[in-house]
Amino acid sequence: MRYDLITMGRVGVDLYPEQVGVPLAEVRTFAKSLGGSPTNVAVAAARLGARAAVITKVGDDPFGPYIRSALRGFGVDDAYVGTHPSLRTPIVFCEIFPPDDFPLLFYREPQAPDMTVTPEELDRAAIREARVFWTTGTGLSAEPSRAATLAALEERSEVRGVTIHDLDHRPMFWADGDDPGRWARAALAHATVAVGNRDEVEVAVGTRDPDAAAEALLDLGVQLAIVKRGPEGTLARTRKERIEVPAVPVEVVCGLGAGDAFGGALVHGLLAQRPLEQTIRLANAAGAHVAGRLACADAMPSLSDLEGALV
């Protein structure tokens, strides 16, 4: 069966402190949740009705079955979730200092299983046939995941469907001397949509100016460039259309899952062929919905939660 969406990349277990505004060293209890940006995007899209799957790997440890079970519980197919025989499933601790400080502590050493996906393990037919395919910059940060991500994107080159590359730049995942901008541009050569915040687009195209960055992304060959500007809203551009959509006001509890909710709603809007402005309004509303809650995957909105954005 054809998938509406396949995402590829990071997965893990998020541990959220149940005490907001408390340093990690002083937190006594944590809430466990499914995590990892492309995994959360698949969950967000599934919550909005998409048939979704994620290509990733977990460790051969108790958290592996938890992730598979959580995915199935959210309606995401785990058929492409592999198991590494010796590496452990990553865990991520976060600190919560609203409205805009959410430090993350990643446990992904010596290597995360999701970074060991190889080109030979890919179901290339499923990747070609998916209506939307989603990759991230983190997947390019080390081998063999880099080669697998680029191989998957190359499979999409002759496909009429939507191919989204989320620039998703996290400096701590890159080796000194590597050039994340080079690999971002290599990925974007096979994408139809680019998504990133100001920091991420600067890595890819050398400028933080939203319009200049969007123009540069379009020049790389994507059909739609989306620059997220936080409280200033979102800029989206095609060769024929330029829209600015204001952010949705929200009392921020935890901003960590907002971008992933944005991504899932973006996929929904593109699949439904909604007008671009309506799609971005829906995505902004989804991001705000999650930002007002203390979770990522568990907080992803349904369509009924976003009805106001569709008016």
C-alpha atoms as a PDB file:
ATOM      1  CA  MET A   1       0.000   0.000   0.000  1.00  0.00           C
ATOM      2  CA  ARG A   2       1.211   3.470  -0.873  1.00  0.00           C
ATOM      3  CA  TYR A   3       2.098   5.767   2.021  1.00  0.00           C
ATOM      4  CA  ASP A   4       0.994   9.368   2.220  1.00  0.00           C
ATOM      5  CA  LEU A   5       4.222  10.156   4.056  1.00  0.00           C
ATOM      6  CA  ILE A   6       7.523   8.489   4.797  1.00  0.00           C
ATOM      7  CA  THR A   7       9.992  10.310   7.015  1.00  0.00           C
ATOM      8  CA  MET A   8      13.591   9.295   7.590  1.00  0.00           C
ATOM      9  CA  GLY A   9      16.009   9.930  10.436  1.00  0.00           C
ATOM     10  CA  ARG A  10      16.265  10.548  14.129  1.00  0.00           C
ATOM     11  CA  VAL A  11      14.313   8.704  16.811  1.00  0.00           C
ATOM     12  CA  GLY A  12      14.681   8.468  20.554  1.00  0.00           C
ATOM     13  CA  VAL A  13      13.082   8.665  23.940  1.00  0.00           C
ATOM     14  CA  ASP A  14      12.431  12.167  25.282  1.00  0.00           C
ATOM     15  CA  LEU A  15      12.494  12.663  29.032  1.00  0.00           C
ATOM     16  CA  TYR A  16      10.662  15.838  30.022  1.00  0.00           C
ATOM     17  CA  PRO A  17      11.095  17.262  33.524  1.00  0.00           C
ATOM     18  CA  GLU A  18       7.822  17.453  35.387  1.00  0.00           C
ATOM     19  CA  GLN A  19       9.143  20.521  37.214  1.00  0.00           C
ATOM     20  CA  VAL A  20       9.164  23.550  34.909  1.00  0.00           C
ATOM     21  CA  GLY A  21      11.887  26.141  35.434  1.00  0.00           C
ATOM     22  CA  VAL A  22      14.144  23.797  37.399  1.00  0.00           C
ATOM     23  CA  PRO A  23      17.748  23.015  36.353  1.00  0.00           C
ATOM     24  CA  LEU A  24      18.262  19.458  35.152  1.00  0.00           C
ATOM     25  CA  ALA A  25      20.474  18.618  38.124  1.00  0.00           C
ATOM     26  CA  GLU A  26      17.605  19.404  40.480  1.00  0.00           C
ATOM     27  CA  VAL A  27      14.759  17.691  38.610  1.00  0.00           C
ATOM     28  CA  ARG A  28      13.345  14.713  40.503  1.00  0.00           C
ATOM     29  CA  THR A  29      10.812  13.222  38.055  1.00  0.00           C
ATOM     30  CA  PHE A  30      10.511  12.989  34.292  1.00  0.00           C
ATOM     31  CA  ALA A  31       7.765  12.119  31.814  1.00  0.00           C
ATOM     32  CA  LYS A  32       8.732   9.733  29.013  1.00  0.00           C
ATOM     33  CA  SER A  33       7.679  10.416  25.416  1.00  0.00           C
ATOM     34  CA  LEU A  34       8.488   9.341  21.875  1.00  0.00           C
ATOM     35  CA  GLY A  35      10.950  11.757  20.258  1.00  0.00           C
ATOM     36  CA  GLY A  36      13.132  12.596  17.287  1.00  0.00           C
ATOM     37  CA  SER A  37      12.169  15.278  14.774  1.00  0.00           C
ATOM     38  CA  PRO A  38      11.263  13.207  11.673  1.00  0.00           C
ATOM     39  CA  THR A  39       9.534  10.664  13.910  1.00  0.00           C
ATOM     40  CA  ASN A  40       7.453  13.438  15.448  1.00  0.00           C
ATOM     41  CA  VAL A  41       6.595  14.761  11.987  1.00  0.00           C
ATOM     42  CA  ALA A  42       5.249  11.334  11.041  1.00  0.00           C
ATOM     43  CA  VAL A  43       3.183  11.275  14.239  1.00  0.00           C
ATOM     44  CA  ALA A  44       1.874  14.778  13.580  1.00  0.00           C
ATOM     45  CA  ALA A  45       0.842  13.901  10.030  1.00  0.00           C
ATOM     46  CA  ALA A  46      -0.778  10.637  11.159  1.00  0.00           C
ATOM     47  CA  ARG A  47      -2.781  12.546  13.781  1.00  0.00           C
ATOM     48  CA  LEU A  48      -4.115  14.634  10.888  1.00  0.00           C
ATOM     49  CA  GLY A  49      -5.123  11.558   8.886  1.00  0.00           C
ATOM     50  CA  ALA A  50      -2.052  10.592   6.863  1.00  0.00           C
ATOM     51  CA  ARG A  51      -0.872   7.009   6.384  1.00  0.00           C
ATOM     52  CA  ALA A  52       2.677   7.473   7.630  1.00  0.00           C
ATOM     53  CA  ALA A  53       5.837   5.464   8.213  1.00  0.00           C
ATOM     54  CA  VAL A  54       9.335   6.294   9.428  1.00  0.00           C
ATOM     55  CA  ILE A  55      12.694   4.896   8.318  1.00  0.00           C
ATOM     56  CA  THR A  56      14.960   4.676  11.357  1.00  0.00           C
ATOM     57  CA  LYS A  57      16.668   2.310  13.799  1.00  0.00           C
ATOM     58  CA  VAL A  58      16.495   1.628  17.506  1.00  0.00           C
ATOM     59  CA  GLY A  59      18.775  -0.324  19.821  1.00  0.00           C
ATOM     60  CA  ASP A  60      18.354  -3.902  21.009  1.00  0.00           C
ATOM     61  CA  ASP A  61      17.263  -2.705  24.439  1.00  0.00           C
ATOM     62  CA  PRO A  62      13.978  -2.129  26.335  1.00  0.00           C
ATOM     63  CA  PHE A  63      13.464   1.271  24.709  1.00  0.00           C
ATOM     64  CA  GLY A  64      13.328  -0.291  21.229  1.00  0.00           C
ATOM     65  CA  PRO A  65      10.006  -2.081  21.818  1.00  0.00           C
ATOM     66  CA  TYR A  66       8.705   1.042  23.544  1.00  0.00           C
ATOM     67  CA  ILE A  67       9.358   3.112  20.428  1.00  0.00           C
ATOM     68  CA  ARG A  68       7.739   0.547  18.138  1.00  0.00           C
ATOM     69  CA  SER A  69       4.693   0.342  20.382  1.00  0.00           C
ATOM     70  CA  ALA A  70       4.437   4.124  20.661  1.00  0.00           C
ATOM     71  CA  LEU A  71       4.618   4.524  16.891  1.00  0.00           C
ATOM     72  CA  ARG A  72       1.848   1.983  16.353  1.00  0.00           C
ATOM     73  CA  GLY A  73      -0.203   3.669  19.041  1.00  0.00           C
ATOM     74  CA  PHE A  74       0.055   6.953  17.157  1.00  0.00           C
ATOM     75  CA  GLY A  75      -0.909   5.271  13.879  1.00  0.00           C
ATOM     76  CA  VAL A  76       2.579   5.294  12.339  1.00  0.00           C
ATOM     77  CA  ASP A  77       3.792   2.143  10.576  1.00  0.00           C
ATOM     78  CA  ASP A  78       6.968   0.734  12.166  1.00  0.00           C
ATOM     79  CA  ALA A  79       7.758  -1.590   9.245  1.00  0.00           C
ATOM     80  CA  TYR A  80      10.956   0.341   8.464  1.00  0.00           C
ATOM     81  CA  VAL A  81      12.228   0.605  12.026  1.00  0.00           C
ATOM     82  CA  GLY A  82      15.352  -1.544  12.196  1.00  0.00           C
ATOM     83  CA  THR A  83      17.238  -2.771  15.256  1.00  0.00           C
ATOM     84  CA  HIS A  84      20.967  -2.332  15.763  1.00  0.00           C
ATOM     85  CA  PRO A  85      22.429  -5.323  17.655  1.00  0.00           C
ATOM     86  CA  SER A  86      24.818  -3.414  19.935  1.00  0.00           C
ATOM     87  CA  LEU A  87      24.059   0.323  20.001  1.00  0.00           C
ATOM     88  CA  ARG A  88      21.510   1.708  22.437  1.00  0.00           C
ATOM     89  CA  THR A  89      18.334   3.629  21.680  1.00  0.00           C
ATOM     90  CA  PRO A  90      19.074   7.328  22.258  1.00  0.00           C
ATOM     91  CA  ILE A  91      17.572   9.243  25.123  1.00  0.00           C
ATOM     92  CA  VAL A  92      17.228  13.020  25.343  1.00  0.00           C
ATOM     93  CA  PHE A  93      16.826  15.098  28.494  1.00  0.00           C
ATOM     94  CA  CYS A  94      15.515  18.630  28.278  1.00  0.00           C
ATOM     95  CA  GLU A  95      15.214  21.598  30.581  1.00  0.00           C
ATOM     96  CA  ILE A  96      12.109  23.783  30.497  1.00  0.00           C
ATOM     97  CA  PHE A  97      12.564  27.514  30.953  1.00  0.00           C
ATOM     98  CA  PRO A  98       9.646  29.198  29.150  1.00  0.00           C
ATOM     99  CA  PRO A  99       9.168  31.081  26.973  1.00  0.00           C
ATOM    100  CA  ASP A 100      12.288  30.511  24.878  1.00  0.00           C
ATOM    101  CA  ASP A 101      14.984  28.491  26.642  1.00  0.00           C
ATOM    102  CA  PHE A 102      14.795  24.696  26.254  1.00  0.00           C
ATOM    103  CA  PRO A 103      18.321  23.190  26.446  1.00  0.00           C
ATOM    104  CA  LEU A 104      18.685  19.592  25.268  1.00  0.00           C
ATOM    105  CA  LEU A 105      21.098  16.938  26.505  1.00  0.00           C
ATOM    106  CA  PHE A 106      21.501  14.164  23.923  1.00  0.00           C
ATOM    107  CA  TYR A 107      22.759  10.678  24.774  1.00  0.00           C
ATOM    108  CA  ARG A 108      23.714   9.374  21.311  1.00  0.00           C
ATOM    109  CA  GLU A 109      27.268   8.112  21.912  1.00  0.00           C
ATOM    110  CA  PRO A 110      29.198   6.371  20.515  1.00  0.00           C
ATOM    111  CA  GLN A 111      26.662   6.500  17.677  1.00  0.00           C
ATOM    112  CA  ALA A 112      22.889   6.523  17.506  1.00  0.00           C
ATOM    113  CA  PRO A 113      21.267   3.532  15.773  1.00  0.00           C
ATOM    114  CA  ASP A 114      19.310   5.889  13.493  1.00  0.00           C
ATOM    115  CA  MET A 115      22.624   7.089  12.037  1.00  0.00           C
ATOM    116  CA  THR A 116      23.517   3.535  10.931  1.00  0.00           C
ATOM    117  CA  VAL A 117      20.813   3.141   8.280  1.00  0.00           C
ATOM    118  CA  THR A 118      22.576   2.159   5.045  1.00  0.00           C
ATOM    119  CA  PRO A 119      21.567   2.596   1.392  1.00  0.00           C
ATOM    120  CA  GLU A 120      21.229  -1.181   1.048  1.00  0.00           C
ATOM    121  CA  GLU A 121      18.541  -1.290   3.739  1.00  0.00           C
ATOM    122  CA  LEU A 122      16.190   1.136   2.010  1.00  0.00           C
ATOM    123  CA  ASP A 123      12.890   0.053   0.486  1.00  0.00           C
ATOM    124  CA  ARG A 124      13.412   2.149  -2.618  1.00  0.00           C
ATOM    125  CA  ALA A 125      10.063   1.272  -4.162  1.00  0.00           C
ATOM    126  CA  ALA A 126       8.201   2.519  -1.091  1.00  0.00           C
ATOM    127  CA  ILE A 127      10.286   5.698  -1.097  1.00  0.00           C
ATOM    128  CA  ARG A 128       9.513   6.350  -4.762  1.00  0.00           C
ATOM    129  CA  GLU A 129       5.815   5.660  -4.325  1.00  0.00           C
ATOM    130  CA  ALA A 130       5.200   7.763  -1.204  1.00  0.00           C
ATOM    131  CA  ARG A 131       3.131  10.859  -1.858  1.00  0.00           C
ATOM    132  CA  VAL A 132       5.461  12.846   0.411  1.00  0.00           C
ATOM    133  CA  PHE A 133       8.991  11.969   1.488  1.00  0.00           C
ATOM    134  CA  TRP A 134      10.719  13.861   4.339  1.00  0.00           C
ATOM    135  CA  THR A 135      14.437  14.000   5.204  1.00  0.00           C
ATOM    136  CA  THR A 136      16.418  16.087   7.675  1.00  0.00           C
ATOM    137  CA  GLY A 137      19.789  17.755   8.001  1.00  0.00           C
ATOM    138  CA  THR A 138      20.673  15.607  10.996  1.00  0.00           C
ATOM    139  CA  GLY A 139      20.546  12.561   8.756  1.00  0.00           C
ATOM    140  CA  LEU A 140      23.387  14.080   6.724  1.00  0.00           C
ATOM    141  CA  SER A 141      25.687  14.674   9.694  1.00  0.00           C
ATOM    142  CA  ALA A 142      27.542  11.325   9.606  1.00  0.00           C
ATOM    143  CA  GLU A 143      27.936   8.114   7.633  1.00  0.00           C
ATOM    144  CA  PRO A 144      26.343   5.784   6.719  1.00  0.00           C
ATOM    145  CA  SER A 145      23.165   7.803   7.292  1.00  0.00           C
ATOM    146  CA  ARG A 146      24.444  10.533   4.952  1.00  0.00           C
ATOM    147  CA  ALA A 147      24.815   8.121   2.055  1.00  0.00           C
ATOM    148  CA  ALA A 148      21.431   6.547   2.815  1.00  0.00           C
ATOM    149  CA  THR A 149      19.686   9.925   2.995  1.00  0.00           C
ATOM    150  CA  LEU A 150      21.168  11.066  -0.306  1.00  0.00           C
ATOM    151  CA  ALA A 151      20.387   7.713  -1.939  1.00  0.00           C
ATOM    152  CA  ALA A 152      16.774   7.995  -0.809  1.00  0.00           C
ATOM    153  CA  LEU A 153      16.563  11.554  -2.132  1.00  0.00           C
ATOM    154  CA  GLU A 154      18.014  10.459  -5.465  1.00  0.00           C
ATOM    155  CA  GLU A 155      15.201   7.909  -5.732  1.00  0.00           C
ATOM    156  CA  ARG A 156      12.806  10.852  -5.560  1.00  0.00           C
ATOM    157  CA  SER A 157      14.446  12.783  -8.415  1.00  0.00           C
ATOM    158  CA  GLU A 158      12.115  11.457 -11.098  1.00  0.00           C
ATOM    159  CA  VAL A 159       9.039  11.298  -8.872  1.00  0.00           C
ATOM    160  CA  ARG A 160       6.136  13.719  -9.181  1.00  0.00           C
ATOM    161  CA  GLY A 161       5.380  13.633  -5.472  1.00  0.00           C
ATOM    162  CA  VAL A 162       6.503  16.092  -2.814  1.00  0.00           C
ATOM    163  CA  THR A 163      10.018  15.734  -1.397  1.00  0.00           C
ATOM    164  CA  ILE A 164      10.678  17.862   1.691  1.00  0.00           C
ATOM    165  CA  HIS A 165      14.104  18.495   3.148  1.00  0.00           C
ATOM    166  CA  ASP A 166      14.026  19.902   6.666  1.00  0.00           C
ATOM    167  CA  LEU A 167      17.337  21.731   7.166  1.00  0.00           C
ATOM    168  CA  ASP A 168      17.228  20.723  10.880  1.00  0.00           C
ATOM    169  CA  HIS A 169      20.776  21.801  11.757  1.00  0.00           C
ATOM    170  CA  ARG A 170      22.148  20.727  15.139  1.00  0.00           C
ATOM    171  CA  PRO A 171      25.826  21.689  15.368  1.00  0.00           C
ATOM    172  CA  MET A 172      26.649  19.129  18.085  1.00  0.00           C
ATOM    173  CA  PHE A 173      26.028  16.271  15.650  1.00  0.00           C
ATOM    174  CA  TRP A 174      28.645  17.423  13.108  1.00  0.00           C
ATOM    175  CA  ALA A 175      32.348  16.585  13.208  1.00  0.00           C
ATOM    176  CA  ASP A 176      34.819  19.448  13.253  1.00  0.00           C
ATOM    177  CA  GLY A 177      35.845  20.380   9.726  1.00  0.00           C
ATOM    178  CA  ASP A 178      32.767  18.944   8.055  1.00  0.00           C
ATOM    179  CA  ASP A 179      30.688  21.311   5.921  1.00  0.00           C
ATOM    180  CA  PRO A 180      26.961  20.997   6.710  1.00  0.00           C
ATOM    181  CA  GLY A 181      26.114  23.634   4.104  1.00  0.00           C
ATOM    182  CA  ARG A 182      27.620  21.524   1.343  1.00  0.00           C
ATOM    183  CA  TRP A 183      25.533  18.512   2.295  1.00  0.00           C
ATOM    184  CA  ALA A 184      22.391  20.595   2.769  1.00  0.00           C
ATOM    185  CA  ARG A 185      22.741  21.861  -0.786  1.00  0.00           C
ATOM    186  CA  ALA A 186      23.355  18.324  -2.038  1.00  0.00           C
ATOM    187  CA  ALA A 187      20.089  17.225  -0.428  1.00  0.00           C
ATOM    188  CA  LEU A 188      18.152  20.231  -1.678  1.00  0.00           C
ATOM    189  CA  ALA A 189      19.156  19.370  -5.255  1.00  0.00           C
ATOM    190  CA  HIS A 190      16.642  16.494  -5.016  1.00  0.00           C
ATOM    191  CA  ALA A 191      13.955  18.237  -2.932  1.00  0.00           C
ATOM    192  CA  THR A 192      10.842  20.116  -3.992  1.00  0.00           C
ATOM    193  CA  VAL A 193      10.337  21.853  -0.610  1.00  0.00           C
ATOM    194  CA  ALA A 194      12.894  23.350   1.795  1.00  0.00           C
ATOM    195  CA  VAL A 195      12.003  24.143   5.420  1.00  0.00           C
ATOM    196  CA  GLY A 196      14.192  25.840   8.008  1.00  0.00           C
ATOM    197  CA  ASN A 197      14.541  28.608  10.544  1.00  0.00           C
ATOM    198  CA  ARG A 198      16.872  31.568  10.110  1.00  0.00           C
ATOM    199  CA  ASP A 199      19.879  29.793  11.597  1.00  0.00           C
ATOM    200  CA  GLU A 200      19.326  26.751   9.398  1.00  0.00           C
ATOM    201  CA  VAL A 201      18.871  28.633   6.137  1.00  0.00           C
ATOM    202  CA  GLU A 202      22.061  30.555   6.884  1.00  0.00           C
ATOM    203  CA  VAL A 203      23.958  27.274   7.073  1.00  0.00           C
ATOM    204  CA  ALA A 204      22.526  26.198   3.713  1.00  0.00           C
ATOM    205  CA  VAL A 205      22.717  29.419   1.689  1.00  0.00           C
ATOM    206  CA  GLY A 206      24.815  31.871   3.707  1.00  0.00           C
ATOM    207  CA  THR A 207      22.208  34.447   4.731  1.00  0.00           C
ATOM    208  CA  ARG A 208      19.746  34.899   7.598  1.00  0.00           C
ATOM    209  CA  ASP A 209      17.623  37.389   5.681  1.00  0.00           C
ATOM    210  CA  PRO A 210      14.374  35.488   5.054  1.00  0.00           C
ATOM    211  CA  ASP A 211      13.674  36.817   1.554  1.00  0.00           C
ATOM    212  CA  ALA A 212      17.250  36.477   0.373  1.00  0.00           C
ATOM    213  CA  ALA A 213      17.435  32.979   1.838  1.00  0.00           C
ATOM    214  CA  ALA A 214      14.147  31.945   0.225  1.00  0.00           C
ATOM    215  CA  GLU A 215      15.388  33.276  -3.126  1.00  0.00           C
ATOM    216  CA  ALA A 216      18.631  31.334  -2.767  1.00  0.00           C
ATOM    217  CA  LEU A 217      16.729  28.149  -1.877  1.00  0.00           C
ATOM    218  CA  LEU A 218      14.549  28.544  -4.952  1.00  0.00           C
ATOM    219  CA  ASP A 219      17.691  29.045  -7.032  1.00  0.00           C
ATOM    220  CA  LEU A 220      18.895  25.650  -5.788  1.00  0.00           C
ATOM    221  CA  GLY A 221      15.861  24.093  -7.476  1.00  0.00           C
ATOM    222  CA  VAL A 222      13.169  23.680  -4.823  1.00  0.00           C
ATOM    223  CA  GLN A 223       9.650  24.721  -5.741  1.00  0.00           C
ATOM    224  CA  LEU A 224       8.677  25.996  -2.286  1.00  0.00           C
ATOM    225  CA  ALA A 225      10.958  27.669   0.277  1.00  0.00           C
ATOM    226  CA  ILE A 226       9.719  28.103   3.850  1.00  0.00           C
ATOM    227  CA  VAL A 227      11.594  30.204   6.395  1.00  0.00           C
ATOM    228  CA  LYS A 228      10.325  30.008   9.975  1.00  0.00           C
ATOM    229  CA  ARG A 229      10.887  33.239  11.917  1.00  0.00           C
ATOM    230  CA  GLY A 230       9.581  32.357  15.384  1.00  0.00           C
ATOM    231  CA  PRO A 231       7.392  35.111  16.875  1.00  0.00           C
ATOM    232  CA  GLU A 232       7.602  37.006  13.568  1.00  0.00           C
ATOM    233  CA  GLY A 233       5.718  34.282  11.737  1.00  0.00           C
ATOM    234  CA  THR A 234       6.557  32.350   8.593  1.00  0.00           C
ATOM    235  CA  LEU A 235       7.658  33.360   5.105  1.00  0.00           C
ATOM    236  CA  ALA A 236       6.800  31.023   2.224  1.00  0.00           C
ATOM    237  CA  ARG A 237       7.815  31.610  -1.371  1.00  0.00           C
ATOM    238  CA  THR A 238       7.436  29.976  -4.743  1.00  0.00           C
ATOM    239  CA  ARG A 239       8.456  31.492  -8.067  1.00  0.00           C
ATOM    240  CA  LYS A 240       4.944  32.926  -8.394  1.00  0.00           C
ATOM    241  CA  GLU A 241       3.813  33.540  -4.835  1.00  0.00           C
ATOM    242  CA  ARG A 242       5.110  35.189  -1.689  1.00  0.00           C
ATOM    243  CA  ILE A 243       3.177  35.008   1.571  1.00  0.00           C
ATOM    244  CA  GLU A 244       3.856  36.027   5.145  1.00  0.00           C
ATOM    245  CA  VAL A 245       1.753  34.394   7.828  1.00  0.00           C
ATOM    246  CA  PRO A 246       1.873  35.777  11.387  1.00  0.00           C
ATOM    247  CA  ALA A 247       2.615  33.536  14.332  1.00  0.00           C
ATOM    248  CA  VAL A 248      -0.287  32.329  16.451  1.00  0.00           C
ATOM    249  CA  PRO A 249      -0.118  33.888  19.939  1.00  0.00           C
ATOM    250  CA  VAL A 250       0.395  31.276  22.636  1.00  0.00           C
ATOM    251  CA  GLU A 251       1.655  31.082  26.202  1.00  0.00           C
ATOM    252  CA  VAL A 252       4.686  28.896  25.590  1.00  0.00           C
ATOM    253  CA  VAL A 253       5.164  25.928  27.897  1.00  0.00           C
ATOM    254  CA  CYS A 254       7.701  23.998  25.813  1.00  0.00           C
ATOM    255  CA  GLY A 255       8.779  24.946  22.308  1.00  0.00           C
ATOM    256  CA  LEU A 256      10.604  21.738  21.443  1.00  0.00           C
ATOM    257  CA  GLY A 257       7.891  20.030  19.390  1.00  0.00           C
ATOM    258  CA  ALA A 258       6.488  23.094  17.657  1.00  0.00           C
ATOM    259  CA  GLY A 259       8.570  22.707  14.504  1.00  0.00           C
ATOM    260  CA  ASP A 260       7.618  19.057  14.151  1.00  0.00           C
ATOM    261  CA  ALA A 261       3.925  19.882  14.515  1.00  0.00           C
ATOM    262  CA  PHE A 262       4.432  22.569  11.882  1.00  0.00           C
ATOM    263  CA  GLY A 263       5.945  19.920   9.622  1.00  0.00           C
ATOM    264  CA  GLY A 264       3.091  17.450  10.052  1.00  0.00           C
ATOM    265  CA  ALA A 265       0.507  20.110   9.304  1.00  0.00           C
ATOM    266  CA  LEU A 266       2.534  21.301   6.313  1.00  0.00           C
ATOM    267  CA  VAL A 267       2.432  17.749   4.955  1.00  0.00           C
ATOM    268  CA  HIS A 268      -1.313  17.600   5.556  1.00  0.00           C
ATOM    269  CA  GLY A 269      -1.893  20.863   3.709  1.00  0.00           C
ATOM    270  CA  LEU A 270       0.236  19.813   0.751  1.00  0.00           C
ATOM    271  CA  LEU A 271      -1.466  16.419   0.535  1.00  0.00           C
ATOM    272  CA  ALA A 272      -4.891  18.083   0.618  1.00  0.00           C
ATOM    273  CA  GLN A 273      -3.722  20.612  -1.996  1.00  0.00           C
ATOM    274  CA  ARG A 274      -4.855  23.491   0.173  1.00  0.00           C
ATOM    275  CA  PRO A 275      -3.900  27.025  -0.891  1.00  0.00           C
ATOM    276  CA  LEU A 276      -0.404  27.908   0.290  1.00  0.00           C
ATOM    277  CA  GLU A 277      -1.509  30.599   2.723  1.00  0.00           C
ATOM    278  CA  GLN A 278      -4.053  28.263   4.336  1.00  0.00           C
ATOM    279  CA  THR A 279      -1.438  25.518   4.578  1.00  0.00           C
ATOM    280  CA  ILE A 280       1.023  27.803   6.372  1.00  0.00           C
ATOM    281  CA  ARG A 281      -1.695  29.134   8.691  1.00  0.00           C
ATOM    282  CA  LEU A 282      -2.552  25.544   9.586  1.00  0.00           C
ATOM    283  CA  ALA A 283       1.115  24.731  10.190  1.00  0.00           C
ATOM    284  CA  ASN A 284       1.610  27.809  12.386  1.00  0.00           C
ATOM    285  CA  ALA A 285      -1.470  26.868  14.403  1.00  0.00           C
ATOM    286  CA  ALA A 286      -0.183  23.303  14.871  1.00  0.00           C
ATOM    287  CA  GLY A 287       3.160  24.626  16.096  1.00  0.00           C
ATOM    288  CA  ALA A 288       1.454  26.941  18.571  1.00  0.00           C
ATOM    289  CA  HIS A 289      -0.756  24.102  19.808  1.00  0.00           C
ATOM    290  CA  VAL A 290       2.266  22.002  20.763  1.00  0.00           C
ATOM    291  CA  ALA A 291       4.256  24.956  22.120  1.00  0.00           C
ATOM    292  CA  GLY A 292       1.533  25.413  24.715  1.00  0.00           C
ATOM    293  CA  ARG A 293       1.973  21.867  26.032  1.00  0.00           C
ATOM    294  CA  LEU A 294       4.670  19.840  27.780  1.00  0.00           C
ATOM    295  CA  ALA A 295       5.312  17.133  25.182  1.00  0.00           C
ATOM    296  CA  CYS A 296       6.139  16.548  21.522  1.00  0.00           C
ATOM    297  CA  ALA A 297       4.576  13.430  19.987  1.00  0.00           C
ATOM    298  CA  ASP A 298       1.876  13.140  22.628  1.00  0.00           C
ATOM    299  CA  ALA A 299       0.782  16.743  22.072  1.00  0.00           C
ATOM    300  CA  MET A 300       0.351  16.668  18.291  1.00  0.00           C
ATOM    301  CA  PRO A 301      -3.021  18.191  17.313  1.00  0.00           C
ATOM    302  CA  SER A 302      -5.952  16.651  15.479  1.00  0.00           C
ATOM    303  CA  LEU A 303      -7.839  18.536  12.790  1.00  0.00           C
ATOM    304  CA  SER A 304     -10.508  19.460  15.323  1.00  0.00           C
ATOM    305  CA  ASP A 305      -7.815  21.195  17.401  1.00  0.00           C
ATOM    306  CA  LEU A 306      -6.945  23.355  14.388  1.00  0.00           C
ATOM    307  CA  GLU A 307     -10.415  24.297  13.183  1.00  0.00           C
ATOM    308  CA  GLY A 308      -9.862  27.962  13.924  1.00  0.00           C
ATOM    309  CA  ALA A 309      -6.932  28.078  11.504  1.00  0.00           C
ATOM    310  CA  LEU A 310      -9.132  26.846   8.649  1.00  0.00           C
ATOM    311  CA  VAL A 311     -11.704  29.660   8.886  1.00  0.00           C
END
